[in-house]
Amino acid sequence: MDKIRMIEVECTKKEMPIFNVGDTVKVLTRIPEGPDKFRLHPFEGVVIAKHGSGVRECFTVRKVSYGEGIERVFPLYSPSIERIEVLRLGKVKRAKLYYLRSKVGKRATKIESREEKK
């Protein structure tokens, strides 16, 4: 088990911003377009869930595009993630925001913002 933990520690050395459920983030993923070319594809939305720990930590981002809700699960330490930008901090009272799936329009994205703690 010690070898597995050593590998997990090496994989988690990648710098990631601290964000929580309810925050609005922009995830830039690498999309290969040729043998030596890639482009960055943004996915911007609200973090509705986080689960796992260590190397296996994942988060779910939800956005509404053309009236259709889209959710995508990202492994936090995936090599295909270039960077994560936290656009807005949210103040929520739940660990999972699955209730946003039934909301429509501005109610689906309206989450109170919280100020940064000093």
N, C-alpha and C. Protein backbone atom coordinates (compact mmCIF):
# COMPACT_ATOMS: atom_id res chain seq x y z
N MET A 1 0.81 -1.20 0.00
CA MET A 1 0.00 0.00 0.00
C MET A 1 0.85 1.26 0.00
N ASP A 2 2.05 1.20 0.54
CA ASP A 2 2.88 2.39 0.58
C ASP A 2 3.27 2.84 -0.82
N LYS A 3 3.46 1.89 -1.75
CA LYS A 3 3.80 2.26 -3.12
C LYS A 3 2.65 2.98 -3.79
N ILE A 4 1.44 2.54 -3.52
CA ILE A 4 0.27 3.20 -4.10
C ILE A 4 0.15 4.62 -3.57
N ARG A 5 0.36 4.80 -2.29
CA ARG A 5 0.29 6.15 -1.71
C ARG A 5 1.38 7.05 -2.26
N MET A 6 2.57 6.50 -2.52
CA MET A 6 3.65 7.30 -3.09
C MET A 6 3.27 7.80 -4.49
N ILE A 7 2.65 6.93 -5.29
CA ILE A 7 2.22 7.31 -6.63
C ILE A 7 1.13 8.37 -6.55
N GLU A 8 0.19 8.22 -5.61
CA GLU A 8 -0.88 9.21 -5.45
C GLU A 8 -0.33 10.57 -5.05
N VAL A 9 0.67 10.58 -4.19
CA VAL A 9 1.27 11.85 -3.75
C VAL A 9 1.94 12.55 -4.92
N GLU A 10 2.61 11.79 -5.79
CA GLU A 10 3.27 12.39 -6.96
C GLU A 10 2.25 12.97 -7.93
N CYS A 11 1.11 12.29 -8.10
CA CYS A 11 0.09 12.75 -9.03
C CYS A 11 -0.63 13.99 -8.52
N THR A 12 -0.73 14.15 -7.21
CA THR A 12 -1.46 15.29 -6.65
C THR A 12 -0.60 16.53 -6.48
N LYS A 13 0.61 16.52 -6.99
CA LYS A 13 1.49 17.69 -6.88
C LYS A 13 1.08 18.80 -7.83
N LYS A 14 0.22 18.50 -8.80
CA LYS A 14 -0.24 19.49 -9.75
C LYS A 14 -1.04 20.57 -9.02
N GLU A 15 -0.71 21.84 -9.26
CA GLU A 15 -1.37 22.96 -8.59
C GLU A 15 -2.80 23.13 -9.13
N MET A 16 -3.77 23.08 -8.24
CA MET A 16 -5.16 23.30 -8.59
C MET A 16 -5.74 24.35 -7.65
N PRO A 17 -6.60 25.23 -8.16
CA PRO A 17 -7.20 26.23 -7.27
C PRO A 17 -8.20 25.57 -6.31
N ILE A 18 -8.43 26.23 -5.21
CA ILE A 18 -9.39 25.72 -4.24
C ILE A 18 -10.77 26.26 -4.60
N PHE A 19 -11.70 25.35 -4.82
CA PHE A 19 -13.07 25.75 -5.12
C PHE A 19 -14.01 24.76 -4.45
N ASN A 20 -15.23 25.18 -4.23
CA ASN A 20 -16.22 24.36 -3.56
C ASN A 20 -17.49 24.25 -4.40
N VAL A 21 -18.43 23.49 -3.91
CA VAL A 21 -19.72 23.35 -4.57
C VAL A 21 -20.42 24.70 -4.54
N GLY A 22 -21.02 25.10 -5.65
CA GLY A 22 -21.69 26.38 -5.76
C GLY A 22 -20.87 27.43 -6.47
N ASP A 23 -19.57 27.19 -6.63
CA ASP A 23 -18.71 28.15 -7.32
C ASP A 23 -18.88 28.01 -8.83
N THR A 24 -18.73 29.12 -9.52
CA THR A 24 -18.75 29.11 -10.98
C THR A 24 -17.31 29.03 -11.46
N VAL A 25 -17.02 28.02 -12.28
CA VAL A 25 -15.65 27.79 -12.73
C VAL A 25 -15.62 27.68 -14.25
N LYS A 26 -14.43 27.90 -14.79
CA LYS A 26 -14.17 27.68 -16.21
C LYS A 26 -13.05 26.65 -16.28
N VAL A 27 -13.36 25.50 -16.87
CA VAL A 27 -12.39 24.41 -17.01
C VAL A 27 -11.90 24.40 -18.44
N LEU A 28 -10.60 24.55 -18.62
CA LEU A 28 -10.01 24.53 -19.95
C LEU A 28 -9.36 23.17 -20.18
N THR A 29 -9.92 22.40 -21.14
CA THR A 29 -9.41 21.07 -21.42
C THR A 29 -8.66 21.07 -22.75
N ARG A 30 -7.70 20.17 -22.85
CA ARG A 30 -6.90 20.05 -24.08
C ARG A 30 -7.61 19.11 -25.04
N ILE A 31 -7.83 19.57 -26.26
CA ILE A 31 -8.43 18.76 -27.31
C ILE A 31 -7.37 18.58 -28.40
N PRO A 32 -6.92 17.34 -28.65
CA PRO A 32 -5.91 17.14 -29.70
C PRO A 32 -6.52 17.34 -31.09
N GLU A 33 -5.80 18.07 -31.93
CA GLU A 33 -6.26 18.33 -33.29
C GLU A 33 -5.29 17.81 -34.33
N GLY A 34 -4.25 17.22 -33.93
CA GLY A 34 -3.26 16.66 -34.84
C GLY A 34 -2.20 15.96 -34.04
N PRO A 35 -1.18 15.45 -34.72
CA PRO A 35 -0.14 14.73 -33.97
C PRO A 35 0.66 15.61 -33.01
N ASP A 36 0.77 16.90 -33.32
CA ASP A 36 1.55 17.79 -32.46
C ASP A 36 0.80 19.07 -32.10
N LYS A 37 -0.51 19.12 -32.37
CA LYS A 37 -1.30 20.30 -32.09
C LYS A 37 -2.45 19.98 -31.16
N PHE A 38 -2.81 20.94 -30.34
CA PHE A 38 -4.00 20.83 -29.50
C PHE A 38 -4.59 22.21 -29.31
N ARG A 39 -5.86 22.24 -28.92
CA ARG A 39 -6.52 23.50 -28.62
C ARG A 39 -7.16 23.39 -27.26
N LEU A 40 -7.42 24.53 -26.66
CA LEU A 40 -8.06 24.57 -25.35
C LEU A 40 -9.55 24.82 -25.53
N HIS A 41 -10.35 23.95 -24.95
CA HIS A 41 -11.80 24.07 -25.05
C HIS A 41 -12.37 24.42 -23.69
N PRO A 42 -13.02 25.58 -23.53
CA PRO A 42 -13.55 25.97 -22.22
C PRO A 42 -14.91 25.34 -21.94
N PHE A 43 -15.15 25.04 -20.68
CA PHE A 43 -16.45 24.57 -20.21
C PHE A 43 -16.73 25.35 -18.94
N GLU A 44 -17.69 26.27 -19.01
CA GLU A 44 -17.97 27.18 -17.90
C GLU A 44 -19.33 26.86 -17.30
N GLY A 45 -19.36 26.70 -15.97
CA GLY A 45 -20.61 26.40 -15.32
C GLY A 45 -20.46 26.37 -13.81
N VAL A 46 -21.52 25.91 -13.15
CA VAL A 46 -21.57 25.85 -11.69
C VAL A 46 -21.16 24.45 -11.23
N VAL A 47 -20.31 24.39 -10.22
CA VAL A 47 -19.92 23.10 -9.64
C VAL A 47 -21.10 22.62 -8.79
N ILE A 48 -21.68 21.47 -9.17
CA ILE A 48 -22.84 20.97 -8.43
C ILE A 48 -22.48 19.81 -7.52
N ALA A 49 -21.29 19.21 -7.68
CA ALA A 49 -20.92 18.10 -6.82
C ALA A 49 -19.42 17.91 -6.84
N LYS A 50 -18.90 17.44 -5.72
CA LYS A 50 -17.51 17.00 -5.61
C LYS A 50 -17.53 15.67 -4.89
N HIS A 51 -16.75 14.71 -5.36
CA HIS A 51 -16.69 13.42 -4.67
C HIS A 51 -15.32 12.80 -4.86
N GLY A 52 -15.01 11.86 -4.01
CA GLY A 52 -13.71 11.21 -4.05
C GLY A 52 -12.69 11.97 -3.22
N SER A 53 -11.49 11.41 -3.15
CA SER A 53 -10.42 12.06 -2.42
C SER A 53 -9.10 11.65 -3.05
N GLY A 54 -8.10 12.49 -2.83
CA GLY A 54 -6.77 12.19 -3.38
C GLY A 54 -6.76 12.25 -4.89
N VAL A 55 -6.15 11.26 -5.52
CA VAL A 55 -6.05 11.21 -6.97
C VAL A 55 -7.41 10.99 -7.61
N ARG A 56 -8.30 10.32 -6.92
CA ARG A 56 -9.61 9.96 -7.48
C ARG A 56 -10.65 11.05 -7.31
N GLU A 57 -10.27 12.24 -6.91
CA GLU A 57 -11.24 13.32 -6.69
C GLU A 57 -11.80 13.81 -8.02
N CYS A 58 -13.13 13.93 -8.09
CA CYS A 58 -13.82 14.40 -9.28
C CYS A 58 -14.80 15.50 -8.91
N PHE A 59 -15.15 16.30 -9.89
CA PHE A 59 -16.16 17.33 -9.67
C PHE A 59 -17.05 17.41 -10.89
N THR A 60 -18.32 17.76 -10.66
CA THR A 60 -19.31 17.84 -11.73
C THR A 60 -19.66 19.31 -11.96
N VAL A 61 -19.61 19.71 -13.23
CA VAL A 61 -19.93 21.09 -13.61
C VAL A 61 -21.18 21.07 -14.49
N ARG A 62 -22.11 21.98 -14.20
CA ARG A 62 -23.36 22.05 -14.97
C ARG A 62 -23.48 23.43 -15.61
N LYS A 63 -23.88 23.44 -16.86
CA LYS A 63 -24.19 24.70 -17.54
C LYS A 63 -25.45 24.49 -18.37
N VAL A 64 -26.09 25.59 -18.72
CA VAL A 64 -27.27 25.55 -19.57
C VAL A 64 -26.89 26.18 -20.89
N SER A 65 -27.01 25.41 -21.97
CA SER A 65 -26.65 25.88 -23.30
C SER A 65 -27.84 25.73 -24.23
N TYR A 66 -28.31 26.85 -24.75
CA TYR A 66 -29.47 26.88 -25.64
C TYR A 66 -30.69 26.21 -25.00
N GLY A 67 -30.89 26.45 -23.71
CA GLY A 67 -32.04 25.91 -23.01
C GLY A 67 -31.91 24.46 -22.58
N GLU A 68 -30.80 23.83 -22.86
CA GLU A 68 -30.58 22.43 -22.51
C GLU A 68 -29.48 22.35 -21.46
N GLY A 69 -29.74 21.63 -20.38
CA GLY A 69 -28.75 21.48 -19.32
C GLY A 69 -27.69 20.46 -19.70
N ILE A 70 -26.43 20.82 -19.47
CA ILE A 70 -25.31 19.94 -19.79
C ILE A 70 -24.47 19.78 -18.53
N GLU A 71 -24.19 18.54 -18.17
CA GLU A 71 -23.32 18.27 -17.03
C GLU A 71 -22.12 17.48 -17.50
N ARG A 72 -20.99 17.77 -16.90
CA ARG A 72 -19.77 17.06 -17.27
C ARG A 72 -18.97 16.78 -16.00
N VAL A 73 -18.47 15.57 -15.88
CA VAL A 73 -17.68 15.16 -14.72
C VAL A 73 -16.21 15.21 -15.12
N PHE A 74 -15.42 15.92 -14.32
CA PHE A 74 -13.99 16.05 -14.57
C PHE A 74 -13.20 15.41 -13.44
N PRO A 75 -12.23 14.55 -13.74
CA PRO A 75 -11.28 14.15 -12.70
C PRO A 75 -10.37 15.34 -12.41
N LEU A 76 -10.18 15.66 -11.14
CA LEU A 76 -9.46 16.87 -10.76
C LEU A 76 -8.02 16.87 -11.26
N TYR A 77 -7.34 15.75 -11.17
CA TYR A 77 -5.93 15.69 -11.53
C TYR A 77 -5.72 15.05 -12.91
N SER A 78 -6.67 15.24 -13.81
CA SER A 78 -6.56 14.69 -15.15
C SER A 78 -5.50 15.43 -15.95
N PRO A 79 -4.68 14.72 -16.73
CA PRO A 79 -3.69 15.42 -17.55
C PRO A 79 -4.32 16.21 -18.70
N SER A 80 -5.58 15.93 -19.03
CA SER A 80 -6.24 16.67 -20.11
C SER A 80 -6.75 18.04 -19.66
N ILE A 81 -6.78 18.30 -18.35
CA ILE A 81 -7.19 19.61 -17.85
C ILE A 81 -5.97 20.53 -17.84
N GLU A 82 -6.04 21.58 -18.60
CA GLU A 82 -4.95 22.56 -18.66
C GLU A 82 -4.95 23.44 -17.41
N ARG A 83 -6.13 24.03 -17.11
CA ARG A 83 -6.24 24.84 -15.91
C ARG A 83 -7.71 25.04 -15.57
N ILE A 84 -7.93 25.44 -14.32
CA ILE A 84 -9.28 25.72 -13.82
C ILE A 84 -9.27 27.14 -13.29
N GLU A 85 -10.22 27.95 -13.76
CA GLU A 85 -10.34 29.33 -13.31
C GLU A 85 -11.62 29.47 -12.50
N VAL A 86 -11.51 29.98 -11.29
CA VAL A 86 -12.68 30.24 -10.46
C VAL A 86 -13.18 31.63 -10.79
N LEU A 87 -14.38 31.71 -11.37
CA LEU A 87 -14.93 32.99 -11.80
C LEU A 87 -15.73 33.68 -10.71
N ARG A 88 -16.50 32.89 -9.94
CA ARG A 88 -17.36 33.46 -8.91
C ARG A 88 -17.51 32.46 -7.78
N LEU A 89 -17.45 32.94 -6.56
CA LEU A 89 -17.64 32.09 -5.40
C LEU A 89 -19.13 32.05 -5.05
N GLY A 90 -19.62 30.90 -4.67
CA GLY A 90 -21.03 30.75 -4.34
C GLY A 90 -21.23 30.36 -2.90
N LYS A 91 -22.35 30.77 -2.34
CA LYS A 91 -22.69 30.43 -0.96
C LYS A 91 -23.90 29.51 -0.99
N VAL A 92 -23.69 28.25 -0.64
CA VAL A 92 -24.78 27.27 -0.67
C VAL A 92 -24.81 26.52 0.66
N LYS A 93 -25.93 25.88 0.93
CA LYS A 93 -26.10 25.14 2.18
C LYS A 93 -26.20 23.64 1.94
N ARG A 94 -25.81 23.19 0.78
CA ARG A 94 -25.89 21.77 0.43
C ARG A 94 -24.53 21.30 -0.08
N ALA A 95 -24.29 20.01 0.03
CA ALA A 95 -23.06 19.42 -0.49
C ALA A 95 -23.22 19.06 -1.97
N LYS A 96 -24.44 18.74 -2.37
CA LYS A 96 -24.73 18.41 -3.76
C LYS A 96 -25.89 19.28 -4.23
N LEU A 97 -25.75 19.90 -5.37
CA LEU A 97 -26.76 20.82 -5.89
C LEU A 97 -27.57 20.19 -7.02
N TYR A 98 -28.00 18.95 -6.81
CA TYR A 98 -28.76 18.26 -7.85
C TYR A 98 -30.13 18.89 -8.08
N TYR A 99 -30.61 19.70 -7.14
CA TYR A 99 -31.91 20.34 -7.32
C TYR A 99 -31.88 21.36 -8.45
N LEU A 100 -30.70 21.79 -8.88
CA LEU A 100 -30.61 22.75 -9.99
C LEU A 100 -31.04 22.13 -11.32
N ARG A 101 -31.08 20.81 -11.37
CA ARG A 101 -31.50 20.13 -12.61
C ARG A 101 -32.95 20.44 -12.96
N SER A 102 -33.78 20.67 -11.96
CA SER A 102 -35.19 20.95 -12.22
C SER A 102 -35.47 22.43 -12.37
N LYS A 103 -34.49 23.28 -12.12
CA LYS A 103 -34.70 24.72 -12.25
C LYS A 103 -34.50 25.16 -13.69
N VAL A 104 -35.19 26.24 -14.06
CA VAL A 104 -35.13 26.74 -15.43
C VAL A 104 -34.77 28.21 -15.40
N GLY A 105 -34.01 28.67 -16.38
CA GLY A 105 -33.70 30.08 -16.54
C GLY A 105 -32.72 30.60 -15.51
N LYS A 106 -32.99 31.80 -15.02
CA LYS A 106 -32.08 32.45 -14.09
C LYS A 106 -32.03 31.71 -12.75
N ARG A 107 -33.11 31.03 -12.40
CA ARG A 107 -33.12 30.28 -11.13
C ARG A 107 -32.12 29.13 -11.14
N ALA A 108 -31.77 28.65 -12.33
CA ALA A 108 -30.83 27.54 -12.42
C ALA A 108 -29.39 27.98 -12.18
N THR A 109 -29.12 29.27 -12.36
CA THR A 109 -27.74 29.74 -12.20
C THR A 109 -27.60 30.75 -11.07
N LYS A 110 -28.70 31.15 -10.47
CA LYS A 110 -28.64 32.17 -9.42
C LYS A 110 -28.24 31.53 -8.09
N ILE A 111 -27.04 31.78 -7.68
CA ILE A 111 -26.53 31.31 -6.41
C ILE A 111 -25.90 32.52 -5.72
N GLU A 112 -26.22 32.71 -4.45
CA GLU A 112 -25.69 33.85 -3.73
C GLU A 112 -24.17 33.80 -3.73
N SER A 113 -23.56 34.96 -3.90
CA SER A 113 -22.09 35.00 -3.86
C SER A 113 -21.63 35.23 -2.43
N ARG A 114 -20.48 34.70 -2.12
CA ARG A 114 -19.91 34.90 -0.79
C ARG A 114 -18.62 35.66 -0.93
N GLU A 115 -18.29 36.42 0.10
CA GLU A 115 -17.07 37.17 0.07
C GLU A 115 -15.93 36.29 0.54
N GLU A 116 -14.75 36.58 0.06
CA GLU A 116 -13.59 35.79 0.48
C GLU A 116 -13.29 36.04 1.94
N LYS A 117 -12.97 34.96 2.64
CA LYS A 117 -12.63 35.09 4.06
C LYS A 117 -11.22 35.59 4.20
N LYS A 118 -11.02 36.54 5.10
CA LYS A 118 -9.70 37.12 5.29
C LYS A 118 -9.03 36.58 6.51
